[in-house]
Amino acid sequence: MVNYIDLNADIGEADNQAWAESEAAILAHISSANIACGGHAGDQGIMTTTSHNAKTHNVIIGAHPSYPDRKNFGRLELKLGEDISAADLSESLYRQICTLLDITQGDVKYVKPHGALYNQAVNTPALADLLGDVIIRINAPLSWLGGPKSQMTLAAQVRNIPFIAEGFIDRQYSDDGHLVSRKLDGAVITTNEARLKQALSLAKDQSVVSRSGAKLDITAGSLCLHGDSKGAVETARITRAALEADGLEIRAFCS
């Protein structure tokens, strides 16, 4: 077992003061921040503030692009070629990532797709390839954070993009080793007890128990907590404390 792991969170999504304060507070407990780039949430002002706060806490910055669908927070599945063209999606993702790169003066280390785009790219080669091509097009030393044993993994490998697999603290898994749809009851894990149990299982045993009770092997270099989950700050705090108490260093995978 390795003696360190990354702890990441999806932030830069807040649309009210309380949520913004929560996002700022979570930065004290994580090592990598996936910052929304305007596709599903955020704007240049929010990106600027969130990036500044991340740097203040020595948290590594990653771009968190999505389908250009703010109405549905990027969580509505779209069909490539029907709901959105490959050219339009590629250009949107490129502009989202480049916007954050400009704001941070190039201080973006990786890309992690958001929401439905992420979930669909797990099993859809065309989407995974599109994401990989966008990352290559940007022509910057960017890594790729995504689902283990997925089409994203393969797309990164053939393009020689450094790929980091992640596990989720606050989401249930299906027996195929990927996330249960948010449409199903219980897909989001709501208690800190259950979140902590899953975090420790992923970090220490490289495994997780699926929705049906099956034990799944998942090797993750980073653990994710959604910044919009209720109690996210406390979850981040107790998870980091528990991991460190167990001898694991919290370290950004791009550090």
C-alpha atoms as a PDB file:
ATOM      1  CA  MET A   1       0.000   0.000   0.000  1.00  0.00           C
ATOM      2  CA  VAL A   2       1.260   3.491  -0.872  1.00  0.00           C
ATOM      3  CA  ASN A   3       1.736   5.921   1.997  1.00  0.00           C
ATOM      4  CA  TYR A   4      -0.008   8.881   0.395  1.00  0.00           C
ATOM      5  CA  ILE A   5      -3.189   9.756  -1.472  1.00  0.00           C
ATOM      6  CA  ASP A   6      -4.757  12.795  -3.088  1.00  0.00           C
ATOM      7  CA  LEU A   7      -8.009  14.295  -1.816  1.00  0.00           C
ATOM      8  CA  ASN A   8      -9.937  16.324  -4.396  1.00  0.00           C
ATOM      9  CA  ALA A   9     -13.198  18.255  -4.465  1.00  0.00           C
ATOM     10  CA  ASP A  10     -15.412  19.775  -7.153  1.00  0.00           C
ATOM     11  CA  ILE A  11     -15.696  23.493  -6.401  1.00  0.00           C
ATOM     12  CA  GLY A  12     -16.119  26.881  -8.057  1.00  0.00           C
ATOM     13  CA  GLU A  13     -19.796  26.048  -8.486  1.00  0.00           C
ATOM     14  CA  ALA A  14     -21.379  28.183  -5.758  1.00  0.00           C
ATOM     15  CA  ASP A  15     -24.284  30.490  -6.573  1.00  0.00           C
ATOM     16  CA  ASN A  16     -24.922  31.819  -3.055  1.00  0.00           C
ATOM     17  CA  GLN A  17     -22.863  33.144  -0.141  1.00  0.00           C
ATOM     18  CA  ALA A  18     -23.243  30.150   2.162  1.00  0.00           C
ATOM     19  CA  TRP A  19     -22.162  27.749  -0.559  1.00  0.00           C
ATOM     20  CA  ALA A  20     -19.224  29.995  -1.487  1.00  0.00           C
ATOM     21  CA  GLU A  21     -18.085  30.053   2.141  1.00  0.00           C
ATOM     22  CA  SER A  22     -18.296  26.255   2.251  1.00  0.00           C
ATOM     23  CA  GLU A  23     -16.157  25.982  -0.868  1.00  0.00           C
ATOM     24  CA  ALA A  24     -13.561  28.314   0.606  1.00  0.00           C
ATOM     25  CA  ALA A  25     -13.480  26.309   3.837  1.00  0.00           C
ATOM     26  CA  ILE A  26     -13.066  22.938   2.124  1.00  0.00           C
ATOM     27  CA  LEU A  27      -9.754  24.069   0.643  1.00  0.00           C
ATOM     28  CA  ALA A  28      -8.112  23.726   4.057  1.00  0.00           C
ATOM     29  CA  HIS A  29      -8.618  19.964   3.919  1.00  0.00           C
ATOM     30  CA  ILE A  30      -7.993  18.894   0.308  1.00  0.00           C
ATOM     31  CA  SER A  31      -4.947  18.711  -1.947  1.00  0.00           C
ATOM     32  CA  SER A  32      -6.498  19.182  -5.411  1.00  0.00           C
ATOM     33  CA  ALA A  33      -9.389  21.395  -6.523  1.00  0.00           C
ATOM     34  CA  ASN A  34     -11.502  20.720  -9.601  1.00  0.00           C
ATOM     35  CA  ILE A  35     -12.652  24.219 -10.545  1.00  0.00           C
ATOM     36  CA  ALA A  36     -15.766  24.687 -12.688  1.00  0.00           C
ATOM     37  CA  CYS A  37     -14.962  26.496 -15.935  1.00  0.00           C
ATOM     38  CA  GLY A  38     -18.315  28.051 -16.815  1.00  0.00           C
ATOM     39  CA  GLY A  39     -19.930  25.155 -18.651  1.00  0.00           C
ATOM     40  CA  HIS A  40     -22.193  23.970 -15.833  1.00  0.00           C
ATOM     41  CA  ALA A  41     -21.354  26.594 -13.203  1.00  0.00           C
ATOM     42  CA  GLY A  42     -18.952  29.390 -12.376  1.00  0.00           C
ATOM     43  CA  ASP A  43     -17.801  32.484 -14.222  1.00  0.00           C
ATOM     44  CA  GLN A  44     -14.569  34.414 -14.551  1.00  0.00           C
ATOM     45  CA  GLY A  45     -15.046  36.128 -11.196  1.00  0.00           C
ATOM     46  CA  ILE A  46     -15.727  32.864  -9.372  1.00  0.00           C
ATOM     47  CA  MET A  47     -12.823  31.172 -11.151  1.00  0.00           C
ATOM     48  CA  THR A  48     -10.510  34.008 -10.133  1.00  0.00           C
ATOM     49  CA  THR A  49     -11.571  33.918  -6.476  1.00  0.00           C
ATOM     50  CA  THR A  50     -11.549  30.128  -6.233  1.00  0.00           C
ATOM     51  CA  SER A  51      -8.132  29.845  -7.882  1.00  0.00           C
ATOM     52  CA  HIS A  52      -6.714  32.487  -5.550  1.00  0.00           C
ATOM     53  CA  ASN A  53      -8.102  30.667  -2.516  1.00  0.00           C
ATOM     54  CA  ALA A  54      -6.684  27.373  -3.750  1.00  0.00           C
ATOM     55  CA  LYS A  55      -3.213  28.849  -4.186  1.00  0.00           C
ATOM     56  CA  THR A  56      -3.414  30.360  -0.709  1.00  0.00           C
ATOM     57  CA  HIS A  57      -3.882  26.844   0.691  1.00  0.00           C
ATOM     58  CA  ASN A  58      -1.245  25.319  -1.635  1.00  0.00           C
ATOM     59  CA  VAL A  59      -3.975  23.280  -3.324  1.00  0.00           C
ATOM     60  CA  ILE A  60      -3.289  22.121  -6.882  1.00  0.00           C
ATOM     61  CA  ILE A  61      -5.731  23.445  -9.496  1.00  0.00           C
ATOM     62  CA  GLY A  62      -7.525  21.299 -12.046  1.00  0.00           C
ATOM     63  CA  ALA A  63     -10.006  22.290 -14.751  1.00  0.00           C
ATOM     64  CA  HIS A  64     -13.512  20.870 -14.369  1.00  0.00           C
ATOM     65  CA  PRO A  65     -15.203  21.345 -17.776  1.00  0.00           C
ATOM     66  CA  SER A  66     -18.633  20.039 -18.652  1.00  0.00           C
ATOM     67  CA  TYR A  67     -21.356  19.972 -21.201  1.00  0.00           C
ATOM     68  CA  PRO A  68     -22.333  23.616 -21.832  1.00  0.00           C
ATOM     69  CA  ASP A  69     -25.570  23.173 -19.896  1.00  0.00           C
ATOM     70  CA  ARG A  70     -25.932  25.472 -16.912  1.00  0.00           C
ATOM     71  CA  LYS A  71     -29.692  24.877 -16.743  1.00  0.00           C
ATOM     72  CA  ASN A  72     -29.149  21.257 -15.724  1.00  0.00           C
ATOM     73  CA  PHE A  73     -25.836  21.798 -13.898  1.00  0.00           C
ATOM     74  CA  GLY A  74     -24.151  19.595 -16.482  1.00  0.00           C
ATOM     75  CA  ARG A  75     -25.881  16.504 -15.100  1.00  0.00           C
ATOM     76  CA  LEU A  76     -28.214  15.825 -18.028  1.00  0.00           C
ATOM     77  CA  GLU A  77     -26.952  13.157 -20.429  1.00  0.00           C
ATOM     78  CA  LEU A  78     -26.589  14.420 -23.990  1.00  0.00           C
ATOM     79  CA  LYS A  79     -26.219  12.382 -27.158  1.00  0.00           C
ATOM     80  CA  LEU A  80     -23.183  13.258 -29.209  1.00  0.00           C
ATOM     81  CA  GLY A  81     -24.243  14.125 -32.741  1.00  0.00           C
ATOM     82  CA  GLU A  82     -27.878  14.624 -31.749  1.00  0.00           C
ATOM     83  CA  ASP A  83     -28.106  16.947 -28.740  1.00  0.00           C
ATOM     84  CA  ILE A  84     -24.690  18.479 -29.373  1.00  0.00           C
ATOM     85  CA  SER A  85     -22.243  18.119 -32.236  1.00  0.00           C
ATOM     86  CA  ALA A  86     -18.739  16.825 -31.672  1.00  0.00           C
ATOM     87  CA  ALA A  87     -17.341  20.080 -33.066  1.00  0.00           C
ATOM     88  CA  ASP A  88     -19.423  22.257 -30.736  1.00  0.00           C
ATOM     89  CA  LEU A  89     -18.625  20.163 -27.673  1.00  0.00           C
ATOM     90  CA  SER A  90     -14.925  20.103 -28.496  1.00  0.00           C
ATOM     91  CA  GLU A  91     -14.815  23.873 -28.924  1.00  0.00           C
ATOM     92  CA  SER A  92     -16.765  24.470 -25.707  1.00  0.00           C
ATOM     93  CA  LEU A  93     -14.481  22.232 -23.643  1.00  0.00           C
ATOM     94  CA  TYR A  94     -11.402  23.809 -25.179  1.00  0.00           C
ATOM     95  CA  ARG A  95     -12.605  27.309 -24.337  1.00  0.00           C
ATOM     96  CA  GLN A  96     -13.620  26.318 -20.807  1.00  0.00           C
ATOM     97  CA  ILE A  97     -10.201  24.912 -19.993  1.00  0.00           C
ATOM     98  CA  CYS A  98      -8.338  27.757 -21.702  1.00  0.00           C
ATOM     99  CA  THR A  99     -10.353  30.304 -19.733  1.00  0.00           C
ATOM    100  CA  LEU A 100      -9.170  28.806 -16.456  1.00  0.00           C
ATOM    101  CA  LEU A 101      -5.618  28.552 -17.795  1.00  0.00           C
ATOM    102  CA  ASP A 102      -5.679  32.266 -18.649  1.00  0.00           C
ATOM    103  CA  ILE A 103      -7.099  33.223 -15.257  1.00  0.00           C
ATOM    104  CA  THR A 104      -4.498  31.182 -13.382  1.00  0.00           C
ATOM    105  CA  GLN A 105      -1.666  32.255 -15.692  1.00  0.00           C
ATOM    106  CA  GLY A 106      -1.177  28.669 -16.781  1.00  0.00           C
ATOM    107  CA  ASP A 107      -1.324  27.184 -13.289  1.00  0.00           C
ATOM    108  CA  VAL A 108      -3.689  24.327 -14.160  1.00  0.00           C
ATOM    109  CA  LYS A 109      -2.232  20.847 -13.743  1.00  0.00           C
ATOM    110  CA  TYR A 110      -4.990  18.491 -14.840  1.00  0.00           C
ATOM    111  CA  VAL A 111      -8.454  18.090 -16.346  1.00  0.00           C
ATOM    112  CA  LYS A 112     -11.411  16.273 -14.815  1.00  0.00           C
ATOM    113  CA  PRO A 113     -14.702  16.254 -16.764  1.00  0.00           C
ATOM    114  CA  HIS A 114     -17.874  17.003 -14.839  1.00  0.00           C
ATOM    115  CA  GLY A 115     -21.191  15.286 -14.301  1.00  0.00           C
ATOM    116  CA  ALA A 116     -22.930  13.593 -17.192  1.00  0.00           C
ATOM    117  CA  LEU A 117     -19.941  14.142 -19.473  1.00  0.00           C
ATOM    118  CA  TYR A 118     -17.737  12.233 -17.020  1.00  0.00           C
ATOM    119  CA  ASN A 119     -20.223   9.405 -16.525  1.00  0.00           C
ATOM    120  CA  GLN A 120     -20.893   8.961 -20.231  1.00  0.00           C
ATOM    121  CA  ALA A 121     -17.191   9.091 -21.115  1.00  0.00           C
ATOM    122  CA  VAL A 122     -16.650   6.118 -18.791  1.00  0.00           C
ATOM    123  CA  ASN A 123     -18.348   3.833 -21.319  1.00  0.00           C
ATOM    124  CA  THR A 124     -18.433   5.861 -24.546  1.00  0.00           C
ATOM    125  CA  PRO A 125     -15.236   5.718 -26.639  1.00  0.00           C
ATOM    126  CA  ALA A 126     -16.236   8.662 -28.840  1.00  0.00           C
ATOM    127  CA  LEU A 127     -16.624  10.984 -25.835  1.00  0.00           C
ATOM    128  CA  ALA A 128     -13.450   9.754 -24.180  1.00  0.00           C
ATOM    129  CA  ASP A 129     -11.539  10.258 -27.433  1.00  0.00           C
ATOM    130  CA  LEU A 130     -13.007  13.747 -27.821  1.00  0.00           C
ATOM    131  CA  LEU A 131     -11.863  14.654 -24.316  1.00  0.00           C
ATOM    132  CA  GLY A 132      -8.401  13.284 -24.983  1.00  0.00           C
ATOM    133  CA  ASP A 133      -8.125  15.238 -28.225  1.00  0.00           C
ATOM    134  CA  VAL A 134      -9.131  18.456 -26.451  1.00  0.00           C
ATOM    135  CA  ILE A 135      -6.450  17.941 -23.805  1.00  0.00           C
ATOM    136  CA  ILE A 136      -3.840  17.310 -26.504  1.00  0.00           C
ATOM    137  CA  ARG A 137      -5.003  20.354 -28.466  1.00  0.00           C
ATOM    138  CA  ILE A 138      -4.380  22.630 -25.497  1.00  0.00           C
ATOM    139  CA  ASN A 139      -0.688  21.767 -25.767  1.00  0.00           C
ATOM    140  CA  ALA A 140       0.063  22.097 -22.068  1.00  0.00           C
ATOM    141  CA  PRO A 141       1.454  19.537 -19.581  1.00  0.00           C
ATOM    142  CA  LEU A 142      -1.965  18.440 -18.322  1.00  0.00           C
ATOM    143  CA  SER A 143      -2.859  15.188 -16.570  1.00  0.00           C
ATOM    144  CA  TRP A 144      -6.299  13.572 -16.711  1.00  0.00           C
ATOM    145  CA  LEU A 145      -8.346  12.654 -13.651  1.00  0.00           C
ATOM    146  CA  GLY A 146     -11.155  10.183 -14.295  1.00  0.00           C
ATOM    147  CA  GLY A 147     -12.798   6.824 -13.781  1.00  0.00           C
ATOM    148  CA  PRO A 148     -10.658   3.714 -13.345  1.00  0.00           C
ATOM    149  CA  LYS A 149     -10.825   0.940 -15.955  1.00  0.00           C
ATOM    150  CA  SER A 150     -12.847   3.184 -18.239  1.00  0.00           C
ATOM    151  CA  GLN A 151     -12.788   4.449 -21.798  1.00  0.00           C
ATOM    152  CA  MET A 152     -11.126   7.571 -20.390  1.00  0.00           C
ATOM    153  CA  THR A 153      -8.277   5.398 -19.148  1.00  0.00           C
ATOM    154  CA  LEU A 154      -7.797   3.931 -22.621  1.00  0.00           C
ATOM    155  CA  ALA A 155      -8.075   7.295 -24.403  1.00  0.00           C
ATOM    156  CA  ALA A 156      -5.389   8.735 -22.129  1.00  0.00           C
ATOM    157  CA  GLN A 157      -3.071   5.772 -22.657  1.00  0.00           C
ATOM    158  CA  VAL A 158      -3.093   5.950 -26.455  1.00  0.00           C
ATOM    159  CA  ARG A 159      -2.366   9.693 -26.286  1.00  0.00           C
ATOM    160  CA  ASN A 160       0.337   9.395 -23.598  1.00  0.00           C
ATOM    161  CA  ILE A 161      -1.631  11.651 -21.258  1.00  0.00           C
ATOM    162  CA  PRO A 162      -0.814  10.948 -17.582  1.00  0.00           C
ATOM    163  CA  PHE A 163      -3.985   9.431 -16.117  1.00  0.00           C
ATOM    164  CA  ILE A 164      -5.006   9.297 -12.464  1.00  0.00           C
ATOM    165  CA  ALA A 165      -7.913   7.087 -11.437  1.00  0.00           C
ATOM    166  CA  GLU A 166     -10.194   8.374  -8.708  1.00  0.00           C
ATOM    167  CA  GLY A 167     -12.590   6.908  -6.203  1.00  0.00           C
ATOM    168  CA  PHE A 168     -15.646   8.681  -4.808  1.00  0.00           C
ATOM    169  CA  ILE A 169     -16.285   9.140  -1.114  1.00  0.00           C
ATOM    170  CA  ASP A 170     -19.903  10.263  -1.372  1.00  0.00           C
ATOM    171  CA  ARG A 171     -21.356   8.164  -4.220  1.00  0.00           C
ATOM    172  CA  GLN A 172     -22.589   4.594  -4.454  1.00  0.00           C
ATOM    173  CA  TYR A 173     -21.056   2.155  -6.940  1.00  0.00           C
ATOM    174  CA  SER A 174     -22.738  -0.342  -9.232  1.00  0.00           C
ATOM    175  CA  ASP A 175     -21.340  -3.831  -9.746  1.00  0.00           C
ATOM    176  CA  ASP A 176     -19.471  -2.706 -12.892  1.00  0.00           C
ATOM    177  CA  GLY A 177     -17.209  -0.534 -10.747  1.00  0.00           C
ATOM    178  CA  HIS A 178     -18.694   2.791 -11.806  1.00  0.00           C
ATOM    179  CA  LEU A 179     -21.084   5.265 -10.223  1.00  0.00           C
ATOM    180  CA  VAL A 180     -24.770   4.582  -9.656  1.00  0.00           C
ATOM    181  CA  SER A 181     -27.022   7.061 -11.472  1.00  0.00           C
ATOM    182  CA  ARG A 182     -28.153  10.027  -9.399  1.00  0.00           C
ATOM    183  CA  LYS A 183     -31.675   9.177 -10.534  1.00  0.00           C
ATOM    184  CA  LEU A 184     -31.691   6.244  -8.087  1.00  0.00           C
ATOM    185  CA  ASP A 185     -32.450   6.652  -4.395  1.00  0.00           C
ATOM    186  CA  GLY A 186     -29.344   6.428  -2.244  1.00  0.00           C
ATOM    187  CA  ALA A 187     -26.930   7.134  -5.110  1.00  0.00           C
ATOM    188  CA  VAL A 188     -25.487  10.002  -3.071  1.00  0.00           C
ATOM    189  CA  ILE A 189     -24.088   8.878   0.276  1.00  0.00           C
ATOM    190  CA  THR A 190     -25.339  11.358   2.853  1.00  0.00           C
ATOM    191  CA  THR A 191     -23.899  10.374   6.237  1.00  0.00           C
ATOM    192  CA  ASN A 192     -20.373  11.133   7.350  1.00  0.00           C
ATOM    193  CA  GLU A 193     -20.106   7.667   8.864  1.00  0.00           C
ATOM    194  CA  ALA A 194     -20.744   6.000   5.504  1.00  0.00           C
ATOM    195  CA  ARG A 195     -18.577   8.468   3.591  1.00  0.00           C
ATOM    196  CA  LEU A 196     -15.664   7.925   5.946  1.00  0.00           C
ATOM    197  CA  LYS A 197     -16.042   4.153   5.763  1.00  0.00           C
ATOM    198  CA  GLN A 198     -15.902   4.268   1.963  1.00  0.00           C
ATOM    199  CA  ALA A 199     -12.948   6.638   1.950  1.00  0.00           C
ATOM    200  CA  LEU A 200     -10.915   4.395   4.232  1.00  0.00           C
ATOM    201  CA  SER A 201     -11.828   1.321   2.219  1.00  0.00           C
ATOM    202  CA  LEU A 202     -10.723   2.956  -1.025  1.00  0.00           C
ATOM    203  CA  ALA A 203      -7.516   4.364   0.428  1.00  0.00           C
ATOM    204  CA  LYS A 204      -6.413   1.414   2.580  1.00  0.00           C
ATOM    205  CA  ASP A 205      -7.852  -1.650   0.891  1.00  0.00           C
ATOM    206  CA  GLN A 206      -8.239  -0.348  -2.680  1.00  0.00           C
ATOM    207  CA  SER A 207     -11.773  -1.652  -2.697  1.00  0.00           C
ATOM    208  CA  VAL A 208     -15.370  -0.540  -2.318  1.00  0.00           C
ATOM    209  CA  VAL A 209     -18.665  -2.261  -1.580  1.00  0.00           C
ATOM    210  CA  SER A 210     -21.195  -1.837  -4.373  1.00  0.00           C
ATOM    211  CA  ARG A 211     -24.879  -0.994  -4.053  1.00  0.00           C
ATOM    212  CA  SER A 212     -25.696  -4.722  -4.159  1.00  0.00           C
ATOM    213  CA  GLY A 213     -23.094  -5.594  -1.523  1.00  0.00           C
ATOM    214  CA  ALA A 214     -20.361  -6.899  -3.845  1.00  0.00           C
ATOM    215  CA  LYS A 215     -16.739  -6.115  -3.032  1.00  0.00           C
ATOM    216  CA  LEU A 216     -15.035  -4.371  -5.959  1.00  0.00           C
ATOM    217  CA  ASP A 217     -11.332  -3.789  -6.479  1.00  0.00           C
ATOM    218  CA  ILE A 218     -10.657  -0.131  -7.286  1.00  0.00           C
ATOM    219  CA  THR A 219      -7.155   1.288  -7.350  1.00  0.00           C
ATOM    220  CA  ALA A 220      -7.474   5.047  -6.939  1.00  0.00           C
ATOM    221  CA  GLY A 221      -4.765   7.656  -6.680  1.00  0.00           C
ATOM    222  CA  SER A 222      -7.255  10.307  -5.640  1.00  0.00           C
ATOM    223  CA  LEU A 223     -10.449  10.433  -3.595  1.00  0.00           C
ATOM    224  CA  CYS A 224     -13.241  12.805  -4.601  1.00  0.00           C
ATOM    225  CA  LEU A 225     -15.795  14.646  -2.518  1.00  0.00           C
ATOM    226  CA  HIS A 226     -18.470  16.740  -4.223  1.00  0.00           C
ATOM    227  CA  GLY A 227     -18.374  20.296  -2.966  1.00  0.00           C
ATOM    228  CA  ASP A 228     -22.148  20.624  -3.341  1.00  0.00           C
ATOM    229  CA  SER A 229     -22.844  17.621  -1.094  1.00  0.00           C
ATOM    230  CA  LYS A 230     -24.433  18.507   2.239  1.00  0.00           C
ATOM    231  CA  GLY A 231     -21.810  18.523   4.988  1.00  0.00           C
ATOM    232  CA  ALA A 232     -18.926  18.482   2.513  1.00  0.00           C
ATOM    233  CA  VAL A 233     -16.571  20.555   4.671  1.00  0.00           C
ATOM    234  CA  GLU A 234     -16.986  18.343   7.719  1.00  0.00           C
ATOM    235  CA  THR A 235     -16.624  15.246   5.572  1.00  0.00           C
ATOM    236  CA  ALA A 236     -13.373  16.585   4.137  1.00  0.00           C
ATOM    237  CA  ARG A 237     -12.087  17.453   7.606  1.00  0.00           C
ATOM    238  CA  ILE A 238     -12.783  14.107   9.236  1.00  0.00           C
ATOM    239  CA  THR A 239     -11.679  12.146   6.175  1.00  0.00           C
ATOM    240  CA  ARG A 240      -8.319  13.874   6.066  1.00  0.00           C
ATOM    241  CA  ALA A 241      -7.877  13.435   9.804  1.00  0.00           C
ATOM    242  CA  ALA A 242      -8.721   9.730   9.621  1.00  0.00           C
ATOM    243  CA  LEU A 243      -6.427   9.082   6.658  1.00  0.00           C
ATOM    244  CA  GLU A 244      -3.544  10.905   8.302  1.00  0.00           C
ATOM    245  CA  ALA A 245      -4.144   9.094  11.587  1.00  0.00           C
ATOM    246  CA  ASP A 246      -3.825   5.859   9.635  1.00  0.00           C
ATOM    247  CA  GLY A 247      -0.422   6.900   8.330  1.00  0.00           C
ATOM    248  CA  LEU A 248      -1.396   8.269   4.923  1.00  0.00           C
ATOM    249  CA  GLU A 249      -0.043  11.596   3.730  1.00  0.00           C
ATOM    250  CA  ILE A 250      -2.504  13.779   1.834  1.00  0.00           C
ATOM    251  CA  ARG A 251      -0.575  14.793  -1.262  1.00  0.00           C
ATOM    252  CA  ALA A 252      -1.660  16.154  -4.650  1.00  0.00           C
ATOM    253  CA  PHE A 253      -0.982  13.671  -7.436  1.00  0.00           C
ATOM    254  CA  CYS A 254       0.428  16.528  -9.551  1.00  0.00           C
ATOM    255  CA  SER A 255       2.654  17.966  -6.829  1.00  0.00           C
END
